[in-house]
């Protein structure tokens, strides 16, 4: 009887234990708190950065550059770091210039699609206008010395680089005479430029004058008038023994030793048997570059603190930055409105000494606007 009573008490105790199950803490779920991260393969080494792990934080902001273009910035890095090693920064340029207080149409600036990667800072161009003389001329053929040509009489040409370019003009007259004139034009807004002007008078006599732009005086002149005569004056009257055409050359050296050359095809007033190709040129004008609208700048800081950026002409044609989704996000720590962006990209980054390749990177980032 005692045994039976003991068993009843035992099973009752076990039953009570089975009804009172142990409960484990439920996982914490924070609403509207997306996880920001970057998954990168840098020079074939896989890396992953995630906000909230190892002290990483997703900093979102915006800034306005000197061209009044708004830039949306995402910076995934560790908190309270001075050099922020192993960090990724992505900057997306607005699609327009805002001259007043920049306020972007965010849905036009940030949208699904592919954006070009900023690959080399936009460079200025340099313009000159050439004026070809008309000596019974039917055609003008220009070679600007940079691989480009024109058949206009008075073309405007834009150079991408500073320096001296050999410009040649070849003309054909209506009676099919050909003539050429080649000069080294100094493509530099402050550079030394020399041209020749000439006037005909009294048969075979001509007056030649130098026109000098830029450089610093005093100037030194050396003329060769094509008939054995030379001069070191800035202008000279020359009497040719015979009528005809003569190749006149001028060298000008300024105070700093910069040298400019000019060539001129001279014709005596009664010569009708030849054609003379000549031209004048305006001073060089610097044309400011267009701002890099809707372009992306990617920066990576490695574990040594070396910064690599996509802003390099080494960027291959297959580089890309593709946005797959854009959605509203919570305000950042500065109470600025933000957007959450999902994107993928591949590119080359350059430190000035060394290049690294990022392949098929995947990111979820946040930018302010």
Protein backbone atom coordinates (compact mmCIF):
# COMPACT_ATOMS: atom_id res chain seq x y z
CA UNK A 1 0.00 0.00 0.00
CA UNK A 2 2.88 2.30 0.88
CA UNK A 3 4.54 1.52 -2.44
CA UNK A 4 1.36 2.38 -4.36
CA UNK A 5 1.03 5.69 -2.48
CA UNK A 6 4.66 6.57 -3.26
CA UNK A 7 4.21 5.92 -6.99
CA UNK A 8 1.09 8.11 -7.14
CA UNK A 9 2.92 11.00 -5.50
CA UNK A 10 5.91 10.52 -7.83
CA UNK A 11 3.88 10.58 -11.05
CA UNK A 12 1.88 13.59 -9.85
CA UNK A 13 5.18 15.47 -9.27
CA UNK A 14 6.47 14.54 -12.75
CA UNK A 15 3.20 15.66 -14.32
CA UNK A 16 3.42 19.03 -12.69
CA UNK A 17 6.98 19.47 -13.95
CA UNK A 18 5.96 18.64 -17.53
CA UNK A 19 3.20 21.25 -17.45
CA UNK A 20 5.57 23.97 -16.25
CA UNK A 21 7.99 24.12 -19.26
CA UNK A 22 11.10 26.31 -19.19
CA UNK A 23 10.82 29.43 -21.46
CA UNK A 24 13.93 30.87 -23.19
CA UNK A 25 14.31 34.63 -23.90
CA UNK A 26 12.74 35.66 -27.18
CA UNK A 27 15.03 37.24 -29.79
CA UNK A 28 14.83 41.02 -29.85
CA UNK A 29 13.37 42.42 -33.06
CA UNK A 30 13.73 46.13 -33.81
CA UNK A 31 11.24 47.46 -36.29
CA UNK A 32 12.46 49.61 -39.22
CA UNK A 33 16.12 48.97 -38.41
CA UNK A 34 17.79 47.70 -41.59
CA UNK A 35 21.19 46.04 -41.55
CA UNK A 36 23.77 47.96 -43.56
CA UNK A 37 26.72 46.05 -44.92
CA UNK A 38 29.25 45.64 -47.69
CA UNK A 39 30.47 42.37 -49.13
CA UNK A 40 33.67 42.97 -51.08
CA UNK A 41 36.24 40.92 -52.94
CA UNK A 42 39.43 42.97 -52.98
CA UNK A 43 42.26 41.45 -55.01
CA UNK A 44 40.55 38.05 -54.63
CA UNK A 45 40.23 38.40 -50.84
CA UNK A 46 36.66 38.31 -49.48
CA UNK A 47 35.76 40.92 -46.86
CA UNK A 48 32.48 41.76 -45.14
CA UNK A 49 31.66 44.84 -43.09
CA UNK A 50 28.37 45.03 -41.20
CA UNK A 51 26.94 47.89 -39.17
CA UNK A 52 26.56 46.87 -35.53
CA UNK A 53 29.37 44.31 -35.62
CA UNK A 54 32.98 45.01 -34.56
CA UNK A 55 32.12 48.63 -33.88
CA UNK A 56 31.03 49.46 -37.44
CA UNK A 57 28.42 52.13 -38.07
CA UNK A 58 26.66 53.40 -41.19
CA UNK A 59 27.25 57.15 -41.41
CA UNK A 60 24.94 58.95 -43.84
CA UNK A 61 25.36 62.56 -44.91
CA UNK A 62 25.43 64.95 -47.86
CA UNK A 63 27.65 67.82 -48.95
CA UNK A 64 27.84 70.42 -51.71
CA UNK A 65 30.96 70.75 -53.89
CA UNK A 66 32.50 73.86 -55.45
CA UNK A 67 30.38 73.36 -58.59
CA UNK A 68 27.17 73.57 -56.50
CA UNK A 69 26.49 69.89 -57.04
CA UNK A 70 25.00 67.98 -54.12
CA UNK A 71 26.81 64.77 -53.16
CA UNK A 72 25.05 61.96 -51.25
CA UNK A 73 27.51 60.20 -48.95
CA UNK A 74 27.50 56.74 -47.32
CA UNK A 75 30.43 55.90 -45.04
CA UNK A 76 30.64 52.43 -43.47
CA UNK A 77 33.37 52.60 -40.84
CA UNK A 78 34.12 51.99 -37.18
CA UNK A 79 33.00 54.49 -34.56
CA UNK A 80 35.45 56.92 -32.96
CA UNK A 81 38.32 56.07 -35.29
CA UNK A 82 40.94 58.59 -36.41
CA UNK A 83 42.20 56.80 -39.51
CA UNK A 84 39.22 54.44 -40.00
CA UNK A 85 41.08 51.46 -41.45
CA UNK A 86 39.08 48.93 -43.51
CA UNK A 87 36.28 51.34 -44.32
CA UNK A 88 34.18 51.95 -47.43
CA UNK A 89 32.89 55.32 -48.61
CA UNK A 90 30.47 55.80 -51.51
CA UNK A 91 29.59 59.25 -52.88
CA UNK A 92 26.83 59.74 -55.46
CA UNK A 93 26.67 63.04 -57.37
CA UNK A 94 23.35 64.74 -57.99
CA UNK A 95 21.97 64.83 -61.53
CA UNK A 96 21.88 68.63 -61.68
CA UNK A 97 23.61 71.81 -60.54
CA UNK A 98 21.84 73.85 -57.87
CA UNK A 99 23.10 77.42 -57.86
CA UNK A 100 21.12 78.52 -54.80
CA UNK A 101 20.52 76.52 -51.62
CA UNK A 102 20.83 73.03 -53.09
CA UNK A 103 17.64 71.02 -52.68
CA UNK A 104 17.60 67.96 -54.87
CA UNK A 105 14.71 66.11 -56.45
CA UNK A 106 15.80 62.98 -54.63
CA UNK A 107 13.74 60.57 -56.75
CA UNK A 108 15.49 61.84 -59.88
CA UNK A 109 18.90 61.84 -58.24
CA UNK A 110 18.67 58.37 -56.66
CA UNK A 111 16.88 55.70 -58.67
CA UNK A 112 17.29 52.17 -59.92
CA UNK A 113 19.77 51.93 -62.79
CA UNK A 114 23.44 52.12 -63.64
CA UNK A 115 25.64 55.09 -62.76
CA UNK A 116 29.03 55.87 -64.30
CA UNK A 117 32.01 55.67 -61.95
CA UNK A 118 34.05 58.83 -61.59
CA UNK A 119 37.28 57.89 -63.37
CA UNK A 120 39.58 60.89 -63.38
CA UNK A 121 38.65 64.41 -62.36
CA UNK A 122 37.09 66.42 -65.19
CA UNK A 123 39.81 68.44 -66.91
CA UNK A 124 39.49 71.85 -68.55
CA UNK A 125 39.86 72.30 -72.29
CA UNK A 126 41.62 75.11 -74.14
CA UNK A 127 40.10 76.81 -77.17
CA UNK A 128 41.66 78.75 -80.01
CA UNK A 129 40.04 80.16 -83.12
CA UNK A 130 42.00 80.09 -86.35
CA UNK A 131 41.35 82.45 -89.26
CA UNK A 132 42.57 81.24 -92.64
CA UNK A 133 43.42 83.96 -95.18
CA UNK A 134 41.63 83.96 -98.52
CA UNK A 135 44.13 84.21 -101.38
CA UNK A 136 41.78 83.18 -104.16
CA UNK A 137 41.32 80.05 -102.02
CA UNK A 138 38.86 77.25 -102.75
CA UNK A 139 39.66 74.82 -99.90
CA UNK A 140 41.19 74.94 -96.40
CA UNK A 141 42.59 71.81 -94.77
CA UNK A 142 43.68 72.07 -91.12
CA UNK A 143 45.76 69.61 -89.09
CA UNK A 144 45.69 70.67 -85.43
CA UNK A 145 48.54 68.41 -84.31
CA UNK A 146 46.42 66.30 -81.96
CA UNK A 147 44.96 63.88 -84.47
CA UNK A 148 42.03 66.08 -85.49
CA UNK A 149 41.31 68.05 -88.66
CA UNK A 150 38.94 70.64 -90.09
CA UNK A 151 38.01 71.95 -93.55
CA UNK A 152 36.45 75.22 -92.34
CA UNK A 153 38.08 78.53 -93.13
CA UNK A 154 37.86 79.83 -89.56
CA UNK A 155 37.56 76.85 -87.20
CA UNK A 156 37.41 76.92 -83.40
CA UNK A 157 39.45 74.09 -81.93
CA UNK A 158 39.50 72.67 -78.38
CA UNK A 159 42.69 71.14 -77.01
CA UNK A 160 42.59 68.76 -74.03
CA UNK A 161 46.23 69.24 -73.04
CA UNK A 162 48.58 72.14 -72.56
CA UNK A 163 51.75 72.36 -74.62
CA UNK A 164 52.95 73.19 -78.09
CA UNK A 165 51.03 71.63 -80.97
CA UNK A 166 52.17 71.70 -84.59
CA UNK A 167 49.32 73.23 -86.58
CA UNK A 168 49.41 73.02 -90.38
CA UNK A 169 47.11 74.73 -92.87
CA UNK A 170 47.08 73.53 -96.48
CA UNK A 171 45.11 75.53 -99.02
CA UNK A 172 44.13 75.03 -102.64
CA UNK A 173 43.47 78.05 -104.84
CA UNK A 174 40.81 78.33 -107.52
CA UNK A 175 43.50 77.81 -110.17
CA UNK A 176 44.64 74.66 -108.29
CA UNK A 177 47.79 76.03 -106.63
CA UNK A 178 48.56 74.43 -103.26
CA UNK A 179 50.31 76.06 -100.32
CA UNK A 180 51.08 75.03 -96.72
CA UNK A 181 51.86 76.90 -93.52
CA UNK A 182 52.92 75.14 -90.30
CA UNK A 183 53.46 76.68 -86.85
CA UNK A 184 53.95 75.39 -83.30
CA UNK A 185 51.05 76.93 -81.39
CA UNK A 186 51.57 77.31 -77.65
CA UNK A 187 48.38 76.03 -76.01
CA UNK A 188 48.74 77.82 -72.70
CA UNK A 189 46.63 80.78 -71.50
CA UNK A 190 49.81 82.47 -70.22
CA UNK A 191 52.14 81.13 -72.88
CA UNK A 192 54.12 83.01 -75.49
CA UNK A 193 52.50 83.25 -78.95
CA UNK A 194 53.95 84.99 -82.01
CA UNK A 195 52.30 85.74 -85.35
CA UNK A 196 53.35 87.72 -88.43
CA UNK A 197 51.43 90.39 -90.28
CA UNK A 198 52.55 91.74 -93.65
CA UNK A 199 51.58 94.53 -96.02
CA UNK A 200 52.63 94.93 -99.64
CA UNK A 201 53.69 98.23 -101.17
CA UNK A 202 55.66 99.58 -104.12
CA UNK A 203 56.17 96.55 -106.30
CA UNK A 204 58.34 93.92 -104.63
CA UNK A 205 58.67 95.71 -101.27
CA UNK A 206 56.83 94.46 -98.13
CA UNK A 207 56.57 95.45 -94.47
CA UNK A 208 56.62 92.66 -91.88
CA UNK A 209 55.55 93.11 -88.25
CA UNK A 210 55.60 90.74 -85.28
CA UNK A 211 52.53 90.28 -83.08
CA UNK A 212 53.44 88.87 -79.67
CA UNK A 213 50.95 87.66 -77.04
CA UNK A 214 51.82 86.42 -73.56
CA UNK A 215 55.22 85.78 -72.07
CA UNK A 216 57.17 88.62 -70.53
CA UNK A 217 59.08 91.41 -72.21
CA UNK A 218 61.68 92.27 -73.28
CA UNK A 219 61.50 90.06 -76.35
CA UNK A 220 64.31 89.04 -78.69
CA UNK A 221 63.50 88.72 -82.41
CA UNK A 222 65.18 86.85 -85.22
CA UNK A 223 63.73 87.09 -88.76
CA UNK A 224 64.54 85.13 -91.90
CA UNK A 225 62.81 86.71 -94.89
CA UNK A 226 63.38 83.87 -97.35
CA UNK A 227 65.85 85.77 -99.53
CA UNK A 228 68.94 85.56 -97.32
CA UNK A 229 68.10 88.68 -95.32
CA UNK A 230 67.76 88.53 -91.51
CA UNK A 231 66.79 91.06 -88.84
CA UNK A 232 66.57 91.34 -85.03
CA UNK A 233 63.97 94.13 -84.97
CA UNK A 234 60.29 93.66 -84.17
CA UNK A 235 59.33 94.88 -87.67
CA UNK A 236 61.18 95.35 -90.94
CA UNK A 237 60.75 96.67 -94.48
CA UNK A 238 62.06 94.24 -97.09
CA UNK A 239 62.58 94.80 -100.83
CA UNK A 240 62.72 91.59 -102.85
CA UNK A 241 64.76 91.54 -106.04
CA UNK A 242 62.27 89.39 -107.88
CA UNK A 243 58.51 89.10 -107.66
CA UNK A 244 57.21 85.80 -106.34
CA UNK A 245 56.52 83.92 -103.11
CA UNK A 246 58.88 83.75 -100.10
CA UNK A 247 58.81 81.71 -96.88
CA UNK A 248 59.27 84.11 -93.95
CA UNK A 249 60.11 82.79 -90.48
CA UNK A 250 60.26 84.51 -87.10
CA UNK A 251 61.63 83.34 -83.75
CA UNK A 252 60.74 85.24 -80.55
CA UNK A 253 62.34 84.61 -77.14
CA UNK A 254 60.90 86.25 -74.02
CA UNK A 255 62.49 87.27 -70.70
CA UNK A 256 62.06 83.73 -69.26
CA UNK A 257 63.61 82.02 -72.29
CA UNK A 258 60.28 80.75 -73.64
CA UNK A 259 60.42 80.51 -77.44
CA UNK A 260 57.70 81.02 -80.03
CA UNK A 261 57.92 80.50 -83.79
CA UNK A 262 55.85 81.95 -86.59
CA UNK A 263 55.79 81.29 -90.33
CA UNK A 264 54.33 83.39 -93.14
CA UNK A 265 54.02 82.82 -96.90
CA UNK A 266 54.84 86.20 -98.46
CA UNK A 267 53.84 87.21 -102.00
CA UNK A 268 54.96 90.31 -103.80
CA UNK A 269 52.12 92.50 -104.98
CA UNK A 270 52.38 91.59 -108.66
CA UNK A 271 52.75 87.83 -108.20
CA UNK A 272 49.76 85.94 -109.65
CA UNK A 273 51.51 82.64 -110.26
CA UNK A 274 51.23 81.22 -106.72
CA UNK A 275 48.92 80.92 -103.71
CA UNK A 276 49.81 81.74 -100.08
CA UNK A 277 48.43 79.80 -97.10
CA UNK A 278 48.43 82.01 -94.01
CA UNK A 279 46.40 82.28 -90.84
CA UNK A 280 46.02 84.18 -87.59
CA UNK A 281 44.92 82.82 -84.22
CA UNK A 282 43.19 84.23 -81.15
CA UNK A 283 44.67 84.00 -77.61
CA UNK A 284 44.09 80.73 -75.75
CA UNK A 285 40.92 80.51 -73.66
CA UNK A 286 40.56 78.09 -70.76
CA UNK A 287 37.16 76.36 -70.73
CA UNK A 288 36.05 75.08 -67.32
CA UNK A 289 35.06 71.39 -67.25
CA UNK A 290 31.50 70.17 -66.89
CA UNK A 291 30.75 68.87 -63.36
CA UNK A 292 30.53 65.06 -63.02
CA UNK A 293 26.76 64.80 -62.68
CA UNK A 294 25.21 61.44 -61.63
CA UNK A 295 28.63 59.88 -61.17
CA UNK A 296 29.83 57.73 -58.29
CA UNK A 297 33.09 58.03 -56.36
CA UNK A 298 34.16 54.94 -54.37
CA UNK A 299 36.88 55.05 -51.70
CA UNK A 300 38.45 52.25 -49.67
CA UNK A 301 40.81 52.69 -46.72
CA UNK A 302 42.86 49.55 -46.08
CA UNK A 303 44.17 48.23 -42.76
CA UNK A 304 47.32 50.38 -43.14
CA UNK A 305 45.29 53.57 -43.54
CA UNK A 306 46.07 53.88 -47.28
CA UNK A 307 43.18 55.42 -49.22
CA UNK A 308 42.27 54.07 -52.67
CA UNK A 309 39.69 55.80 -54.89
CA UNK A 310 37.94 55.17 -58.18
CA UNK A 311 38.97 58.64 -59.34
CA UNK A 312 41.61 57.35 -61.76
CA UNK A 313 41.94 57.25 -65.56
CA UNK A 314 42.98 53.60 -65.09
CA UNK A 315 39.29 52.68 -64.68
CA UNK A 316 38.45 49.87 -67.16
CA UNK A 317 35.38 50.05 -69.39
CA UNK A 318 33.71 47.10 -67.61
CA UNK A 319 33.56 48.94 -64.29
CA UNK A 320 30.00 49.62 -63.14
CA UNK A 321 27.80 50.79 -60.25
CA UNK A 322 24.25 49.44 -60.34
CA UNK A 323 21.49 50.54 -57.94
CA UNK A 324 18.82 47.88 -57.48
CA UNK A 325 16.52 49.53 -54.94
CA UNK A 326 15.99 52.87 -53.21
CA UNK A 327 13.63 53.27 -50.24
CA UNK A 328 12.88 55.70 -47.45
CA UNK A 329 14.82 55.20 -44.23
CA UNK A 330 14.85 56.59 -40.71
CA UNK A 331 16.47 59.92 -39.92
CA UNK A 332 20.15 59.78 -39.11
CA UNK A 333 21.90 60.94 -35.94
CA UNK A 334 21.81 64.51 -37.30
CA UNK A 335 18.02 64.33 -37.85
CA UNK A 336 18.53 64.37 -41.63
CA UNK A 337 16.20 62.39 -43.88
CA UNK A 338 17.89 59.37 -45.46
CA UNK A 339 17.49 56.81 -48.20
CA UNK A 340 18.39 53.14 -48.03
CA UNK A 341 20.16 51.91 -51.20
CA UNK A 342 20.94 48.39 -52.39
CA UNK A 343 23.65 48.25 -55.06
CA UNK A 344 26.41 46.20 -56.67
CA UNK A 345 29.62 47.38 -58.30
CA UNK A 346 33.00 46.44 -59.73
CA UNK A 347 35.89 48.84 -60.26
CA UNK A 348 39.59 49.60 -59.93
CA UNK A 349 40.74 51.79 -57.05
CA UNK A 350 44.09 53.58 -57.05
CA UNK A 351 46.20 55.07 -54.26
CA UNK A 352 48.53 56.98 -56.58
CA UNK A 353 51.09 54.19 -56.27
CA UNK A 354 49.16 50.94 -56.22
CA UNK A 355 45.89 49.73 -57.76
CA UNK A 356 43.42 47.26 -56.24
CA UNK A 357 40.47 45.52 -57.90
CA UNK A 358 37.02 45.25 -56.31
CA UNK A 359 34.86 42.64 -58.01
CA UNK A 360 31.10 42.05 -57.69
CA UNK A 361 30.73 44.01 -54.48
CA UNK A 362 27.30 44.01 -52.82
CA UNK A 363 26.25 46.84 -50.50
CA UNK A 364 23.27 48.06 -48.52
CA UNK A 365 24.00 51.67 -47.57
CA UNK A 366 22.29 54.83 -46.41
CA UNK A 367 22.73 58.40 -47.63
CA UNK A 368 21.22 61.64 -46.36
CA UNK A 369 19.48 64.24 -48.47
